[in-house]
Amino acid sequence: TARMAANRASLRHHRDIQNALKMLEDGIAAGDIADKADLDFHMTIARASGNEIFVTILTSLHDVMSKSMMVALNITRGGSKERAQKVLNEHRQIYDAIVGGDGDSAELLMRYHLHQARQRVTDHARDM
């Protein structure tokens, strides 16, 4: 989907993704979990992809995704400032690749970001 967004997004989509990223950055800076802002960032990318089927699937999974993101972001918030910065950098890099029209990088960066989010959750669970 990130690849498709890089190839299809309009300037309006770029602004929408940028606004969603700003909300995420502001939320984390304020000490919020910012799960809604994170979900909005990913949903905005899905909409920018033009893949309405994927948007519908993500919308139907909203509650599950929201809970998962809340867990991952809560771990991030409870961790070091470096960890929070790393998560924000992952989002910024995805945004930059999409705006730059670099589908290969957008896809790779999104896969990496999702892998890292899963890793943060599983590492945290092991540490408990």
N, C-alpha and C. Protein backbone atom coordinates (compact mmCIF):
# COMPACT_ATOMS: atom_id res chain seq x y z
N THR A 1 0.82 -1.19 0.00
CA THR A 1 0.00 0.00 0.00
C THR A 1 0.86 1.26 0.00
N ALA A 2 1.96 1.25 0.74
CA ALA A 2 2.86 2.41 0.75
C ALA A 2 3.45 2.61 -0.65
N ARG A 3 3.77 1.51 -1.32
CA ARG A 3 4.28 1.60 -2.70
C ARG A 3 3.23 2.27 -3.60
N MET A 4 2.00 1.81 -3.48
CA MET A 4 0.93 2.37 -4.30
C MET A 4 0.70 3.84 -3.97
N ALA A 5 0.80 4.20 -2.70
CA ALA A 5 0.64 5.61 -2.31
C ALA A 5 1.75 6.45 -2.93
N ALA A 6 2.97 5.94 -2.95
CA ALA A 6 4.09 6.68 -3.55
C ALA A 6 3.85 6.91 -5.04
N ASN A 7 3.22 5.94 -5.68
CA ASN A 7 2.99 6.03 -7.12
C ASN A 7 1.72 6.81 -7.48
N ARG A 8 0.76 6.90 -6.56
CA ARG A 8 -0.55 7.45 -6.91
C ARG A 8 -0.96 8.70 -6.14
N ALA A 9 -0.31 9.00 -5.05
CA ALA A 9 -0.78 10.08 -4.17
C ALA A 9 -0.73 11.44 -4.86
N SER A 10 -1.78 12.21 -4.62
CA SER A 10 -1.85 13.58 -5.11
C SER A 10 -1.20 14.52 -4.09
N LEU A 11 -1.08 15.78 -4.45
CA LEU A 11 -0.55 16.76 -3.50
C LEU A 11 -1.45 16.86 -2.26
N ARG A 12 -2.75 16.73 -2.45
CA ARG A 12 -3.68 16.74 -1.32
C ARG A 12 -3.39 15.57 -0.39
N HIS A 13 -3.14 14.38 -0.97
CA HIS A 13 -2.79 13.22 -0.16
C HIS A 13 -1.50 13.47 0.61
N HIS A 14 -0.52 14.08 -0.06
CA HIS A 14 0.75 14.39 0.61
C HIS A 14 0.50 15.27 1.83
N ARG A 15 -0.35 16.30 1.66
CA ARG A 15 -0.67 17.19 2.79
C ARG A 15 -1.39 16.43 3.90
N ASP A 16 -2.31 15.54 3.51
CA ASP A 16 -3.05 14.76 4.51
C ASP A 16 -2.10 13.86 5.32
N ILE A 17 -1.17 13.22 4.63
CA ILE A 17 -0.20 12.35 5.32
C ILE A 17 0.70 13.19 6.22
N GLN A 18 1.13 14.34 5.71
CA GLN A 18 1.97 15.24 6.50
C GLN A 18 1.23 15.70 7.76
N ASN A 19 -0.05 16.04 7.62
CA ASN A 19 -0.84 16.46 8.78
C ASN A 19 -0.99 15.32 9.79
N ALA A 20 -1.21 14.11 9.30
CA ALA A 20 -1.33 12.95 10.19
C ALA A 20 -0.01 12.70 10.92
N LEU A 21 1.10 12.86 10.21
CA LEU A 21 2.42 12.70 10.83
C LEU A 21 2.63 13.76 11.91
N LYS A 22 2.25 14.99 11.63
CA LYS A 22 2.39 16.08 12.61
C LYS A 22 1.57 15.79 13.86
N MET A 23 0.36 15.28 13.69
CA MET A 23 -0.48 14.93 14.84
C MET A 23 0.19 13.84 15.68
N LEU A 24 0.79 12.87 15.01
CA LEU A 24 1.50 11.80 15.72
C LEU A 24 2.69 12.36 16.49
N GLU A 25 3.47 13.20 15.82
CA GLU A 25 4.64 13.81 16.48
C GLU A 25 4.21 14.64 17.69
N ASP A 26 3.17 15.45 17.51
CA ASP A 26 2.69 16.29 18.60
C ASP A 26 2.17 15.46 19.77
N GLY A 27 1.46 14.39 19.45
CA GLY A 27 0.91 13.52 20.49
C GLY A 27 2.00 12.86 21.31
N ILE A 28 2.99 12.32 20.63
CA ILE A 28 4.08 11.65 21.34
C ILE A 28 4.89 12.67 22.15
N ALA A 29 5.12 13.86 21.57
CA ALA A 29 5.85 14.91 22.30
C ALA A 29 5.11 15.33 23.57
N ALA A 30 3.78 15.27 23.53
CA ALA A 30 2.96 15.65 24.69
C ALA A 30 2.84 14.52 25.70
N GLY A 31 3.42 13.35 25.38
CA GLY A 31 3.36 12.22 26.29
C GLY A 31 2.12 11.36 26.13
N ASP A 32 1.34 11.63 25.08
CA ASP A 32 0.15 10.82 24.81
C ASP A 32 0.56 9.51 24.15
N ILE A 33 -0.32 8.52 24.23
CA ILE A 33 -0.07 7.27 23.52
C ILE A 33 -0.17 7.50 22.02
N ALA A 34 -1.06 8.40 21.58
CA ALA A 34 -1.21 8.82 20.19
C ALA A 34 -1.61 7.69 19.26
N ASP A 35 -2.37 6.71 19.77
CA ASP A 35 -2.78 5.59 18.93
C ASP A 35 -3.71 6.03 17.81
N LYS A 36 -4.59 6.99 18.08
CA LYS A 36 -5.49 7.48 17.03
C LYS A 36 -4.69 8.16 15.92
N ALA A 37 -3.72 8.97 16.31
CA ALA A 37 -2.88 9.65 15.32
C ALA A 37 -2.09 8.65 14.49
N ASP A 38 -1.60 7.60 15.13
CA ASP A 38 -0.85 6.56 14.41
C ASP A 38 -1.77 5.86 13.42
N LEU A 39 -2.96 5.49 13.87
CA LEU A 39 -3.91 4.83 12.98
C LEU A 39 -4.29 5.76 11.83
N ASP A 40 -4.49 7.05 12.13
CA ASP A 40 -4.82 8.02 11.07
C ASP A 40 -3.70 8.10 10.04
N PHE A 41 -2.45 8.06 10.49
CA PHE A 41 -1.31 8.10 9.57
C PHE A 41 -1.39 6.93 8.59
N HIS A 42 -1.61 5.74 9.12
CA HIS A 42 -1.67 4.55 8.27
C HIS A 42 -2.91 4.54 7.38
N MET A 43 -4.04 5.01 7.92
CA MET A 43 -5.26 5.07 7.11
C MET A 43 -5.12 6.10 5.99
N THR A 44 -4.45 7.20 6.26
CA THR A 44 -4.25 8.23 5.25
C THR A 44 -3.38 7.69 4.11
N ILE A 45 -2.39 6.90 4.44
CA ILE A 45 -1.57 6.26 3.41
C ILE A 45 -2.41 5.29 2.60
N ALA A 46 -3.25 4.53 3.28
CA ALA A 46 -4.12 3.58 2.57
C ALA A 46 -5.03 4.32 1.60
N ARG A 47 -5.61 5.44 2.04
CA ARG A 47 -6.48 6.21 1.15
C ARG A 47 -5.68 6.77 -0.03
N ALA A 48 -4.46 7.21 0.23
CA ALA A 48 -3.61 7.76 -0.84
C ALA A 48 -3.23 6.71 -1.87
N SER A 49 -3.28 5.44 -1.47
CA SER A 49 -2.93 4.36 -2.40
C SER A 49 -3.97 4.18 -3.49
N GLY A 50 -5.19 4.65 -3.22
CA GLY A 50 -6.27 4.45 -4.19
C GLY A 50 -6.86 3.06 -4.16
N ASN A 51 -6.42 2.23 -3.22
CA ASN A 51 -6.90 0.86 -3.11
C ASN A 51 -8.07 0.83 -2.12
N GLU A 52 -9.28 1.02 -2.66
CA GLU A 52 -10.47 1.11 -1.82
C GLU A 52 -10.75 -0.19 -1.06
N ILE A 53 -10.37 -1.31 -1.64
CA ILE A 53 -10.58 -2.59 -0.95
C ILE A 53 -9.73 -2.62 0.32
N PHE A 54 -8.49 -2.19 0.21
CA PHE A 54 -7.62 -2.17 1.39
C PHE A 54 -8.13 -1.19 2.44
N VAL A 55 -8.61 -0.04 1.99
CA VAL A 55 -9.18 0.94 2.92
C VAL A 55 -10.37 0.33 3.66
N THR A 56 -11.22 -0.39 2.94
CA THR A 56 -12.38 -1.05 3.55
C THR A 56 -11.94 -2.09 4.57
N ILE A 57 -10.93 -2.87 4.22
CA ILE A 57 -10.42 -3.89 5.15
C ILE A 57 -9.85 -3.23 6.41
N LEU A 58 -9.04 -2.20 6.23
CA LEU A 58 -8.47 -1.51 7.40
C LEU A 58 -9.57 -0.89 8.27
N THR A 59 -10.57 -0.34 7.62
CA THR A 59 -11.68 0.25 8.37
C THR A 59 -12.40 -0.81 9.19
N SER A 60 -12.61 -1.98 8.59
CA SER A 60 -13.30 -3.05 9.32
C SER A 60 -12.46 -3.60 10.46
N LEU A 61 -11.15 -3.45 10.37
CA LEU A 61 -10.24 -3.92 11.42
C LEU A 61 -9.86 -2.80 12.40
N HIS A 62 -10.56 -1.70 12.32
CA HIS A 62 -10.23 -0.51 13.11
C HIS A 62 -10.00 -0.81 14.59
N ASP A 63 -10.93 -1.51 15.22
CA ASP A 63 -10.82 -1.76 16.66
C ASP A 63 -9.59 -2.61 16.99
N VAL A 64 -9.36 -3.66 16.20
CA VAL A 64 -8.22 -4.53 16.44
C VAL A 64 -6.92 -3.76 16.23
N MET A 65 -6.85 -3.01 15.14
CA MET A 65 -5.64 -2.23 14.85
C MET A 65 -5.40 -1.17 15.91
N SER A 66 -6.46 -0.52 16.34
CA SER A 66 -6.32 0.52 17.35
C SER A 66 -5.74 -0.05 18.64
N LYS A 67 -6.24 -1.20 19.06
CA LYS A 67 -5.72 -1.83 20.29
C LYS A 67 -4.26 -2.24 20.12
N SER A 68 -3.93 -2.79 18.95
CA SER A 68 -2.54 -3.20 18.70
C SER A 68 -1.61 -2.00 18.70
N MET A 69 -2.04 -0.92 18.06
CA MET A 69 -1.21 0.28 18.02
C MET A 69 -1.07 0.89 19.41
N MET A 70 -2.14 0.81 20.20
CA MET A 70 -2.07 1.36 21.55
C MET A 70 -1.03 0.59 22.37
N VAL A 71 -1.00 -0.72 22.22
CA VAL A 71 -0.01 -1.53 22.95
C VAL A 71 1.40 -1.14 22.50
N ALA A 72 1.62 -1.11 21.19
CA ALA A 72 2.95 -0.79 20.67
C ALA A 72 3.39 0.62 21.07
N LEU A 73 2.48 1.59 20.96
CA LEU A 73 2.84 2.96 21.30
C LEU A 73 3.01 3.14 22.81
N ASN A 74 2.26 2.40 23.59
CA ASN A 74 2.43 2.46 25.04
C ASN A 74 3.81 1.95 25.43
N ILE A 75 4.26 0.91 24.76
CA ILE A 75 5.62 0.40 24.98
C ILE A 75 6.64 1.46 24.58
N THR A 76 6.40 2.09 23.43
CA THR A 76 7.31 3.14 22.96
C THR A 76 7.35 4.29 23.95
N ARG A 77 6.19 4.72 24.41
CA ARG A 77 6.11 5.84 25.34
C ARG A 77 6.80 5.50 26.65
N GLY A 78 6.66 4.25 27.09
CA GLY A 78 7.27 3.83 28.34
C GLY A 78 8.76 3.55 28.22
N GLY A 79 9.25 3.54 27.00
CA GLY A 79 10.66 3.27 26.77
C GLY A 79 11.48 4.54 26.75
N SER A 80 12.63 4.44 26.18
CA SER A 80 13.54 5.57 26.13
C SER A 80 13.07 6.60 25.11
N LYS A 81 13.61 7.81 25.26
CA LYS A 81 13.34 8.86 24.27
C LYS A 81 13.88 8.45 22.91
N GLU A 82 14.97 7.69 22.93
CA GLU A 82 15.56 7.22 21.68
C GLU A 82 14.60 6.29 20.95
N ARG A 83 13.90 5.45 21.71
CA ARG A 83 12.94 4.54 21.08
C ARG A 83 11.80 5.33 20.44
N ALA A 84 11.27 6.32 21.16
CA ALA A 84 10.19 7.14 20.60
C ALA A 84 10.68 7.87 19.35
N GLN A 85 11.91 8.37 19.40
CA GLN A 85 12.46 9.07 18.23
C GLN A 85 12.62 8.11 17.06
N LYS A 86 13.02 6.89 17.35
CA LYS A 86 13.18 5.89 16.29
C LYS A 86 11.84 5.61 15.62
N VAL A 87 10.78 5.47 16.41
CA VAL A 87 9.44 5.22 15.85
C VAL A 87 9.01 6.40 14.98
N LEU A 88 9.23 7.61 15.46
CA LEU A 88 8.87 8.79 14.67
C LEU A 88 9.70 8.86 13.39
N ASN A 89 10.98 8.52 13.48
CA ASN A 89 11.83 8.51 12.28
C ASN A 89 11.33 7.51 11.25
N GLU A 90 10.85 6.35 11.71
CA GLU A 90 10.29 5.36 10.79
C GLU A 90 9.12 5.97 10.03
N HIS A 91 8.25 6.68 10.75
CA HIS A 91 7.09 7.31 10.11
C HIS A 91 7.54 8.41 9.13
N ARG A 92 8.51 9.23 9.55
CA ARG A 92 8.99 10.30 8.67
C ARG A 92 9.61 9.74 7.39
N GLN A 93 10.37 8.66 7.52
CA GLN A 93 11.00 8.07 6.34
C GLN A 93 9.95 7.53 5.37
N ILE A 94 8.91 6.93 5.90
CA ILE A 94 7.82 6.44 5.04
C ILE A 94 7.19 7.62 4.32
N TYR A 95 6.89 8.67 5.07
CA TYR A 95 6.31 9.88 4.47
C TYR A 95 7.21 10.43 3.37
N ASP A 96 8.50 10.57 3.66
CA ASP A 96 9.44 11.12 2.68
C ASP A 96 9.48 10.28 1.41
N ALA A 97 9.47 8.96 1.56
CA ALA A 97 9.50 8.09 0.38
C ALA A 97 8.23 8.25 -0.45
N ILE A 98 7.09 8.35 0.22
CA ILE A 98 5.83 8.52 -0.51
C ILE A 98 5.83 9.85 -1.25
N VAL A 99 6.17 10.93 -0.57
CA VAL A 99 6.19 12.25 -1.20
C VAL A 99 7.21 12.30 -2.33
N GLY A 100 8.31 11.58 -2.16
CA GLY A 100 9.34 11.53 -3.20
C GLY A 100 9.01 10.61 -4.36
N GLY A 101 7.87 9.93 -4.27
CA GLY A 101 7.46 9.02 -5.35
C GLY A 101 8.31 7.77 -5.44
N ASP A 102 8.98 7.41 -4.37
CA ASP A 102 9.87 6.25 -4.36
C ASP A 102 9.13 5.04 -3.78
N GLY A 103 8.43 4.33 -4.66
CA GLY A 103 7.62 3.20 -4.25
C GLY A 103 8.42 2.08 -3.62
N ASP A 104 9.60 1.79 -4.17
CA ASP A 104 10.43 0.72 -3.60
C ASP A 104 10.79 1.02 -2.15
N SER A 105 11.26 2.24 -1.91
CA SER A 105 11.64 2.62 -0.54
C SER A 105 10.43 2.68 0.37
N ALA A 106 9.32 3.21 -0.12
CA ALA A 106 8.11 3.30 0.70
C ALA A 106 7.67 1.92 1.16
N GLU A 107 7.68 0.96 0.25
CA GLU A 107 7.30 -0.40 0.62
C GLU A 107 8.28 -1.00 1.62
N LEU A 108 9.55 -0.87 1.34
CA LEU A 108 10.57 -1.43 2.23
C LEU A 108 10.51 -0.79 3.62
N LEU A 109 10.36 0.52 3.67
CA LEU A 109 10.30 1.22 4.95
C LEU A 109 9.04 0.85 5.74
N MET A 110 7.92 0.68 5.05
CA MET A 110 6.69 0.28 5.75
C MET A 110 6.83 -1.13 6.29
N ARG A 111 7.40 -2.03 5.50
CA ARG A 111 7.61 -3.40 5.98
C ARG A 111 8.53 -3.40 7.21
N TYR A 112 9.58 -2.61 7.14
CA TYR A 112 10.51 -2.51 8.27
C TYR A 112 9.79 -1.96 9.50
N HIS A 113 9.00 -0.90 9.31
CA HIS A 113 8.26 -0.28 10.42
C HIS A 113 7.31 -1.28 11.08
N LEU A 114 6.57 -2.02 10.29
CA LEU A 114 5.63 -3.00 10.84
C LEU A 114 6.37 -4.13 11.55
N HIS A 115 7.50 -4.54 10.97
CA HIS A 115 8.32 -5.57 11.62
C HIS A 115 8.84 -5.07 12.97
N GLN A 116 9.33 -3.84 12.99
CA GLN A 116 9.86 -3.27 14.22
C GLN A 116 8.76 -3.13 15.28
N ALA A 117 7.56 -2.75 14.88
CA ALA A 117 6.45 -2.63 15.83
C ALA A 117 6.15 -3.99 16.46
N ARG A 118 6.10 -5.03 15.62
CA ARG A 118 5.88 -6.38 16.15
C ARG A 118 7.02 -6.77 17.09
N GLN A 119 8.23 -6.45 16.69
CA GLN A 119 9.40 -6.79 17.50
C GLN A 119 9.36 -6.11 18.86
N ARG A 120 8.96 -4.83 18.88
CA ARG A 120 8.86 -4.10 20.15
C ARG A 120 7.86 -4.78 21.08
N VAL A 121 6.74 -5.22 20.53
CA VAL A 121 5.71 -5.86 21.34
C VAL A 121 6.20 -7.21 21.85
N THR A 122 6.79 -8.03 20.98
CA THR A 122 7.23 -9.36 21.41
C THR A 122 8.41 -9.26 22.37
N ASP A 123 9.32 -8.32 22.15
CA ASP A 123 10.44 -8.13 23.08
C ASP A 123 9.93 -7.71 24.45
N HIS A 124 8.95 -6.82 24.46
CA HIS A 124 8.37 -6.36 25.73
C HIS A 124 7.69 -7.51 26.46
N ALA A 125 6.98 -8.35 25.72
CA ALA A 125 6.28 -9.49 26.33
C ALA A 125 7.29 -10.46 26.94
N ARG A 126 8.42 -10.66 26.27
CA ARG A 126 9.46 -11.56 26.80
C ARG A 126 10.08 -11.00 28.08
N ASP A 127 10.17 -9.68 28.15
CA ASP A 127 10.80 -9.04 29.31
C ASP A 127 9.90 -9.03 30.54
N MET A 128 8.65 -9.34 30.37
CA MET A 128 7.69 -9.29 31.50
C MET A 128 7.80 -10.51 32.38
